[in-house]
Amino acid sequence: QVQLVESGGGLVQAGDSLRLSCAASGRTFSRYAMGWFRQAPGKERRFVSAISWSGGNTVYADSVKGRFTISRDNAKNTVYLQMNSLEPEDTAVYYCAARVQYLGTSPDEYDYWGQGTQVTVSS
């Protein structure tokens, strides 16, 4: 089992950058593929990005491709989401999630979730 804690959210202006972090407990972090999802008020939770257990494979939603970068440091049990050129449409609660082995793009594929961190982008 793994526990996840996100941090790094905040209120920024359009065009600014933020880096989200997700710290995981447990000694088997490197076994898990990690994903970032976001949920805006009144909307479903949506895929943002995911990274394989080794960090060798990454995938992004079209809406963030070229602006967001996912990475991980298995020595620190942490996954990151670097968000550049933020837009008001990026406003949401951002969640990190974990699943064993292979990365996925659906929330249903993930077994463990953090509590979320709010990102608000003003225009």
N, C-alpha and C. Protein backbone atom coordinates (compact mmCIF):
# COMPACT_ATOMS: atom_id res chain seq x y z
N GLN A 1 0.83 -1.18 0.00
CA GLN A 1 0.00 0.00 0.00
C GLN A 1 0.88 1.24 0.00
N VAL A 2 0.36 2.32 -0.57
CA VAL A 2 1.12 3.56 -0.63
C VAL A 2 0.20 4.72 -0.29
N GLN A 3 0.74 5.69 0.40
CA GLN A 3 0.01 6.92 0.72
C GLN A 3 0.64 8.07 -0.03
N LEU A 4 -0.20 8.96 -0.54
CA LEU A 4 0.26 10.04 -1.41
C LEU A 4 -0.16 11.38 -0.84
N VAL A 5 0.78 12.33 -0.88
CA VAL A 5 0.49 13.68 -0.40
C VAL A 5 0.98 14.69 -1.44
N GLU A 6 0.03 15.45 -2.00
CA GLU A 6 0.38 16.47 -2.98
C GLU A 6 0.69 17.80 -2.31
N SER A 7 1.48 18.59 -2.99
CA SER A 7 1.79 19.95 -2.54
C SER A 7 2.19 20.79 -3.75
N GLY A 8 2.23 22.11 -3.53
CA GLY A 8 2.71 22.99 -4.58
C GLY A 8 1.64 23.78 -5.30
N GLY A 9 0.39 23.53 -4.98
CA GLY A 9 -0.67 24.29 -5.63
C GLY A 9 -0.70 25.72 -5.13
N GLY A 10 -1.52 26.54 -5.79
CA GLY A 10 -1.64 27.93 -5.38
C GLY A 10 -2.40 28.75 -6.38
N LEU A 11 -2.39 30.05 -6.15
CA LEU A 11 -3.06 31.02 -7.03
C LEU A 11 -2.00 31.74 -7.84
N VAL A 12 -2.12 31.65 -9.16
CA VAL A 12 -1.16 32.29 -10.06
C VAL A 12 -1.91 33.00 -11.17
N GLN A 13 -1.16 33.79 -11.93
CA GLN A 13 -1.75 34.46 -13.08
C GLN A 13 -1.49 33.66 -14.35
N ALA A 14 -2.30 33.92 -15.34
CA ALA A 14 -2.11 33.26 -16.63
C ALA A 14 -0.70 33.52 -17.14
N GLY A 15 -0.08 32.47 -17.65
CA GLY A 15 1.27 32.56 -18.14
C GLY A 15 2.33 32.16 -17.13
N ASP A 16 1.95 32.09 -15.86
CA ASP A 16 2.89 31.71 -14.81
C ASP A 16 3.13 30.20 -14.81
N SER A 17 4.03 29.80 -13.92
CA SER A 17 4.38 28.39 -13.77
C SER A 17 4.19 27.94 -12.32
N LEU A 18 3.95 26.66 -12.16
CA LEU A 18 3.90 26.02 -10.86
C LEU A 18 4.49 24.63 -10.99
N ARG A 19 5.06 24.14 -9.90
CA ARG A 19 5.51 22.76 -9.87
C ARG A 19 4.79 22.04 -8.72
N LEU A 20 4.03 21.04 -9.08
CA LEU A 20 3.37 20.20 -8.08
C LEU A 20 4.28 19.04 -7.72
N SER A 21 4.20 18.66 -6.46
CA SER A 21 4.94 17.49 -5.99
C SER A 21 3.96 16.51 -5.36
N CYS A 22 4.30 15.25 -5.43
CA CYS A 22 3.51 14.20 -4.80
C CYS A 22 4.48 13.27 -4.10
N ALA A 23 4.45 13.30 -2.79
CA ALA A 23 5.34 12.46 -1.99
C ALA A 23 4.62 11.18 -1.61
N ALA A 24 5.29 10.07 -1.81
CA ALA A 24 4.69 8.77 -1.53
C ALA A 24 5.39 8.10 -0.34
N SER A 25 4.61 7.42 0.45
CA SER A 25 5.17 6.64 1.54
C SER A 25 5.45 5.23 1.03
N GLY A 26 6.20 4.49 1.82
CA GLY A 26 6.45 3.10 1.46
C GLY A 26 7.75 2.92 0.71
N ARG A 27 8.25 1.69 0.75
CA ARG A 27 9.55 1.39 0.18
C ARG A 27 9.46 0.81 -1.22
N THR A 28 8.24 0.72 -1.76
CA THR A 28 8.10 0.10 -3.07
C THR A 28 7.61 1.10 -4.10
N PHE A 29 7.91 2.37 -3.90
CA PHE A 29 7.45 3.43 -4.79
C PHE A 29 7.84 3.15 -6.23
N SER A 30 9.01 2.61 -6.43
CA SER A 30 9.50 2.39 -7.80
C SER A 30 8.70 1.33 -8.55
N ARG A 31 7.83 0.60 -7.85
CA ARG A 31 6.99 -0.39 -8.51
C ARG A 31 5.77 0.23 -9.16
N TYR A 32 5.46 1.46 -8.80
CA TYR A 32 4.20 2.07 -9.19
C TYR A 32 4.36 3.03 -10.37
N ALA A 33 3.45 2.89 -11.31
CA ALA A 33 3.25 3.96 -12.28
C ALA A 33 2.46 5.06 -11.58
N MET A 34 2.74 6.30 -11.95
CA MET A 34 2.12 7.44 -11.29
C MET A 34 1.38 8.30 -12.31
N GLY A 35 0.28 8.84 -11.86
CA GLY A 35 -0.50 9.69 -12.74
C GLY A 35 -0.93 10.97 -12.04
N TRP A 36 -1.17 11.99 -12.84
CA TRP A 36 -1.78 13.23 -12.36
C TRP A 36 -3.14 13.39 -13.05
N PHE A 37 -4.12 13.74 -12.25
CA PHE A 37 -5.46 14.01 -12.75
C PHE A 37 -5.91 15.35 -12.19
N ARG A 38 -6.94 15.91 -12.77
CA ARG A 38 -7.49 17.16 -12.25
C ARG A 38 -8.99 17.15 -12.35
N GLN A 39 -9.58 17.90 -11.45
CA GLN A 39 -11.04 17.98 -11.41
C GLN A 39 -11.46 19.42 -11.15
N ALA A 40 -12.15 19.99 -12.11
CA ALA A 40 -12.70 21.33 -11.97
C ALA A 40 -14.10 21.23 -11.36
N PRO A 41 -14.59 22.31 -10.76
CA PRO A 41 -15.91 22.27 -10.14
C PRO A 41 -16.98 21.84 -11.12
N GLY A 42 -17.78 20.86 -10.73
CA GLY A 42 -18.88 20.40 -11.56
C GLY A 42 -18.49 19.52 -12.71
N LYS A 43 -17.21 19.15 -12.78
CA LYS A 43 -16.74 18.32 -13.89
C LYS A 43 -16.14 17.02 -13.38
N GLU A 44 -16.00 16.07 -14.28
CA GLU A 44 -15.41 14.80 -13.93
C GLU A 44 -13.89 14.94 -13.75
N ARG A 45 -13.34 14.00 -13.03
CA ARG A 45 -11.90 13.94 -12.87
C ARG A 45 -11.28 13.51 -14.21
N ARG A 46 -10.29 14.26 -14.65
CA ARG A 46 -9.73 14.03 -15.97
C ARG A 46 -8.23 13.79 -15.92
N PHE A 47 -7.79 12.99 -16.85
CA PHE A 47 -6.38 12.65 -16.95
C PHE A 47 -5.56 13.86 -17.38
N VAL A 48 -4.38 14.01 -16.77
CA VAL A 48 -3.45 15.06 -17.14
C VAL A 48 -2.16 14.45 -17.71
N SER A 49 -1.55 13.57 -16.92
CA SER A 49 -0.27 13.01 -17.34
C SER A 49 0.02 11.77 -16.51
N ALA A 50 0.88 10.90 -17.04
CA ALA A 50 1.29 9.71 -16.31
C ALA A 50 2.73 9.36 -16.68
N ILE A 51 3.37 8.63 -15.77
CA ILE A 51 4.75 8.24 -15.96
C ILE A 51 4.93 6.79 -15.50
N SER A 52 5.71 6.04 -16.23
CA SER A 52 5.93 4.65 -15.88
C SER A 52 6.80 4.53 -14.63
N TRP A 53 6.89 3.31 -14.11
CA TRP A 53 7.63 3.10 -12.86
C TRP A 53 9.09 3.50 -12.99
N SER A 54 9.65 3.34 -14.18
CA SER A 54 11.06 3.66 -14.39
C SER A 54 11.27 5.12 -14.79
N GLY A 55 10.19 5.78 -15.20
CA GLY A 55 10.32 7.13 -15.73
C GLY A 55 10.60 7.17 -17.21
N GLY A 56 10.72 6.02 -17.82
CA GLY A 56 11.09 5.96 -19.22
C GLY A 56 9.95 6.26 -20.18
N ASN A 57 8.74 6.10 -19.71
CA ASN A 57 7.57 6.37 -20.55
C ASN A 57 6.68 7.41 -19.89
N THR A 58 6.24 8.36 -20.68
CA THR A 58 5.33 9.38 -20.20
C THR A 58 4.22 9.59 -21.23
N VAL A 59 3.10 10.07 -20.74
CA VAL A 59 1.98 10.38 -21.63
C VAL A 59 1.27 11.61 -21.09
N TYR A 60 0.71 12.40 -22.00
CA TYR A 60 0.06 13.65 -21.62
C TYR A 60 -1.29 13.79 -22.31
N ALA A 61 -2.19 14.46 -21.64
CA ALA A 61 -3.43 14.87 -22.29
C ALA A 61 -3.09 15.93 -23.33
N ASP A 62 -3.86 15.96 -24.41
CA ASP A 62 -3.59 16.92 -25.47
C ASP A 62 -3.63 18.36 -24.96
N SER A 63 -4.48 18.61 -23.99
CA SER A 63 -4.66 19.97 -23.49
C SER A 63 -3.45 20.52 -22.76
N VAL A 64 -2.55 19.65 -22.32
CA VAL A 64 -1.38 20.11 -21.57
C VAL A 64 -0.06 19.79 -22.28
N LYS A 65 -0.15 19.08 -23.38
CA LYS A 65 1.06 18.67 -24.08
C LYS A 65 1.86 19.90 -24.51
N GLY A 66 3.15 19.87 -24.23
CA GLY A 66 4.01 20.99 -24.56
C GLY A 66 4.10 22.05 -23.47
N ARG A 67 3.21 21.98 -22.50
CA ARG A 67 3.23 22.96 -21.39
C ARG A 67 3.58 22.30 -20.05
N PHE A 68 3.14 21.06 -19.87
CA PHE A 68 3.37 20.36 -18.60
C PHE A 68 4.42 19.27 -18.82
N THR A 69 5.19 19.00 -17.77
CA THR A 69 6.18 17.93 -17.80
C THR A 69 6.09 17.13 -16.51
N ILE A 70 5.95 15.83 -16.66
CA ILE A 70 5.92 14.94 -15.51
C ILE A 70 7.30 14.30 -15.34
N SER A 71 7.69 14.11 -14.11
CA SER A 71 8.97 13.46 -13.83
C SER A 71 8.86 12.78 -12.46
N ARG A 72 9.84 11.96 -12.15
CA ARG A 72 9.84 11.28 -10.85
C ARG A 72 11.27 11.08 -10.38
N ASP A 73 11.38 11.02 -9.07
CA ASP A 73 12.67 10.72 -8.43
C ASP A 73 12.41 9.56 -7.48
N ASN A 74 12.74 8.37 -7.90
CA ASN A 74 12.44 7.19 -7.09
C ASN A 74 13.25 7.16 -5.80
N ALA A 75 14.40 7.81 -5.79
CA ALA A 75 15.19 7.87 -4.56
C ALA A 75 14.50 8.72 -3.51
N LYS A 76 13.68 9.68 -3.94
CA LYS A 76 12.96 10.56 -3.03
C LYS A 76 11.49 10.19 -2.91
N ASN A 77 11.07 9.12 -3.57
CA ASN A 77 9.66 8.71 -3.52
C ASN A 77 8.73 9.85 -3.92
N THR A 78 9.09 10.58 -4.95
CA THR A 78 8.33 11.77 -5.33
C THR A 78 8.13 11.84 -6.83
N VAL A 79 6.94 12.25 -7.21
CA VAL A 79 6.64 12.54 -8.60
C VAL A 79 6.28 14.02 -8.71
N TYR A 80 6.65 14.62 -9.82
CA TYR A 80 6.47 16.05 -10.02
C TYR A 80 5.63 16.32 -11.27
N LEU A 81 4.99 17.48 -11.25
CA LEU A 81 4.32 17.97 -12.45
C LEU A 81 4.70 19.43 -12.60
N GLN A 82 5.58 19.69 -13.56
CA GLN A 82 5.96 21.05 -13.87
C GLN A 82 4.95 21.63 -14.85
N MET A 83 4.31 22.73 -14.45
CA MET A 83 3.25 23.32 -15.27
C MET A 83 3.68 24.72 -15.69
N ASN A 84 3.86 24.90 -16.98
CA ASN A 84 4.25 26.20 -17.53
C ASN A 84 3.12 26.78 -18.37
N SER A 85 3.22 28.06 -18.64
CA SER A 85 2.22 28.74 -19.47
C SER A 85 0.80 28.41 -19.02
N LEU A 86 0.57 28.55 -17.74
CA LEU A 86 -0.73 28.19 -17.19
C LEU A 86 -1.84 29.07 -17.74
N GLU A 87 -2.99 28.45 -17.92
CA GLU A 87 -4.17 29.11 -18.45
C GLU A 87 -5.30 29.02 -17.44
N PRO A 88 -6.27 29.94 -17.51
CA PRO A 88 -7.41 29.84 -16.59
C PRO A 88 -8.11 28.48 -16.67
N GLU A 89 -8.09 27.86 -17.84
CA GLU A 89 -8.71 26.55 -18.00
C GLU A 89 -8.00 25.43 -17.24
N ASP A 90 -6.81 25.71 -16.74
CA ASP A 90 -6.08 24.73 -15.93
C ASP A 90 -6.52 24.75 -14.48
N THR A 91 -7.38 25.67 -14.11
CA THR A 91 -7.87 25.76 -12.74
C THR A 91 -8.62 24.49 -12.36
N ALA A 92 -8.18 23.86 -11.27
CA ALA A 92 -8.78 22.60 -10.82
C ALA A 92 -8.07 22.14 -9.56
N VAL A 93 -8.64 21.12 -8.94
CA VAL A 93 -7.92 20.39 -7.92
C VAL A 93 -7.11 19.30 -8.63
N TYR A 94 -5.83 19.25 -8.33
CA TYR A 94 -4.94 18.28 -8.97
C TYR A 94 -4.65 17.15 -8.00
N TYR A 95 -4.81 15.93 -8.50
CA TYR A 95 -4.59 14.73 -7.71
C TYR A 95 -3.47 13.89 -8.32
N CYS A 96 -2.66 13.31 -7.47
CA CYS A 96 -1.75 12.28 -7.97
C CYS A 96 -2.31 10.93 -7.58
N ALA A 97 -1.93 9.93 -8.35
CA ALA A 97 -2.46 8.59 -8.16
C ALA A 97 -1.39 7.57 -8.51
N ALA A 98 -1.54 6.37 -7.96
CA ALA A 98 -0.56 5.31 -8.17
C ALA A 98 -1.24 4.02 -8.56
N ARG A 99 -0.58 3.26 -9.42
CA ARG A 99 -1.04 1.93 -9.73
C ARG A 99 0.18 1.06 -9.97
N VAL A 100 0.02 -0.23 -9.75
CA VAL A 100 1.16 -1.13 -9.87
C VAL A 100 1.54 -1.28 -11.33
N GLN A 101 2.81 -1.15 -11.59
CA GLN A 101 3.46 -1.44 -12.87
C GLN A 101 3.11 -0.45 -13.97
N TYR A 102 2.10 -0.74 -14.78
CA TYR A 102 1.95 -0.02 -16.04
C TYR A 102 1.15 1.26 -15.89
N LEU A 103 1.55 2.30 -16.63
CA LEU A 103 0.83 3.56 -16.55
C LEU A 103 -0.52 3.43 -17.22
N GLY A 104 -1.45 4.26 -16.76
CA GLY A 104 -2.79 4.27 -17.32
C GLY A 104 -3.28 5.70 -17.46
N THR A 105 -4.37 5.87 -18.18
CA THR A 105 -4.92 7.21 -18.41
C THR A 105 -6.33 7.37 -17.89
N SER A 106 -6.87 6.34 -17.28
CA SER A 106 -8.22 6.42 -16.72
C SER A 106 -8.16 6.41 -15.21
N PRO A 107 -8.97 7.23 -14.55
CA PRO A 107 -8.98 7.20 -13.08
C PRO A 107 -9.29 5.81 -12.53
N ASP A 108 -10.10 5.05 -13.24
CA ASP A 108 -10.49 3.72 -12.77
C ASP A 108 -9.31 2.75 -12.70
N GLU A 109 -8.22 3.07 -13.38
CA GLU A 109 -7.07 2.18 -13.41
C GLU A 109 -6.15 2.35 -12.20
N TYR A 110 -6.39 3.39 -11.42
CA TYR A 110 -5.49 3.72 -10.33
C TYR A 110 -6.06 3.27 -8.99
N ASP A 111 -5.16 2.81 -8.14
CA ASP A 111 -5.56 2.21 -6.88
C ASP A 111 -5.45 3.15 -5.69
N TYR A 112 -4.51 4.07 -5.75
CA TYR A 112 -4.24 4.94 -4.60
C TYR A 112 -4.26 6.40 -5.05
N TRP A 113 -4.81 7.25 -4.17
CA TRP A 113 -4.99 8.66 -4.49
C TRP A 113 -4.56 9.54 -3.34
N GLY A 114 -4.04 10.72 -3.72
CA GLY A 114 -3.78 11.74 -2.71
C GLY A 114 -5.03 12.55 -2.46
N GLN A 115 -4.89 13.54 -1.59
CA GLN A 115 -6.05 14.35 -1.18
C GLN A 115 -6.29 15.52 -2.12
N GLY A 116 -5.33 15.81 -2.97
CA GLY A 116 -5.48 16.87 -3.96
C GLY A 116 -4.88 18.19 -3.50
N THR A 117 -4.51 19.01 -4.48
CA THR A 117 -4.01 20.35 -4.23
C THR A 117 -4.65 21.30 -5.23
N GLN A 118 -5.09 22.44 -4.74
CA GLN A 118 -5.83 23.39 -5.59
C GLN A 118 -4.86 24.23 -6.42
N VAL A 119 -5.17 24.32 -7.69
CA VAL A 119 -4.46 25.23 -8.59
C VAL A 119 -5.49 26.19 -9.17
N THR A 120 -5.26 27.47 -8.99
CA THR A 120 -6.16 28.49 -9.51
C THR A 120 -5.35 29.45 -10.37
N VAL A 121 -5.79 29.61 -11.62
CA VAL A 121 -5.10 30.48 -12.56
C VAL A 121 -6.04 31.62 -12.92
N SER A 122 -5.63 32.82 -12.59
CA SER A 122 -6.45 33.99 -12.90
C SER A 122 -6.06 34.58 -14.25
N SER A 123 -7.03 35.19 -14.90
CA SER A 123 -6.78 35.76 -16.23
C SER A 123 -6.29 37.19 -16.15
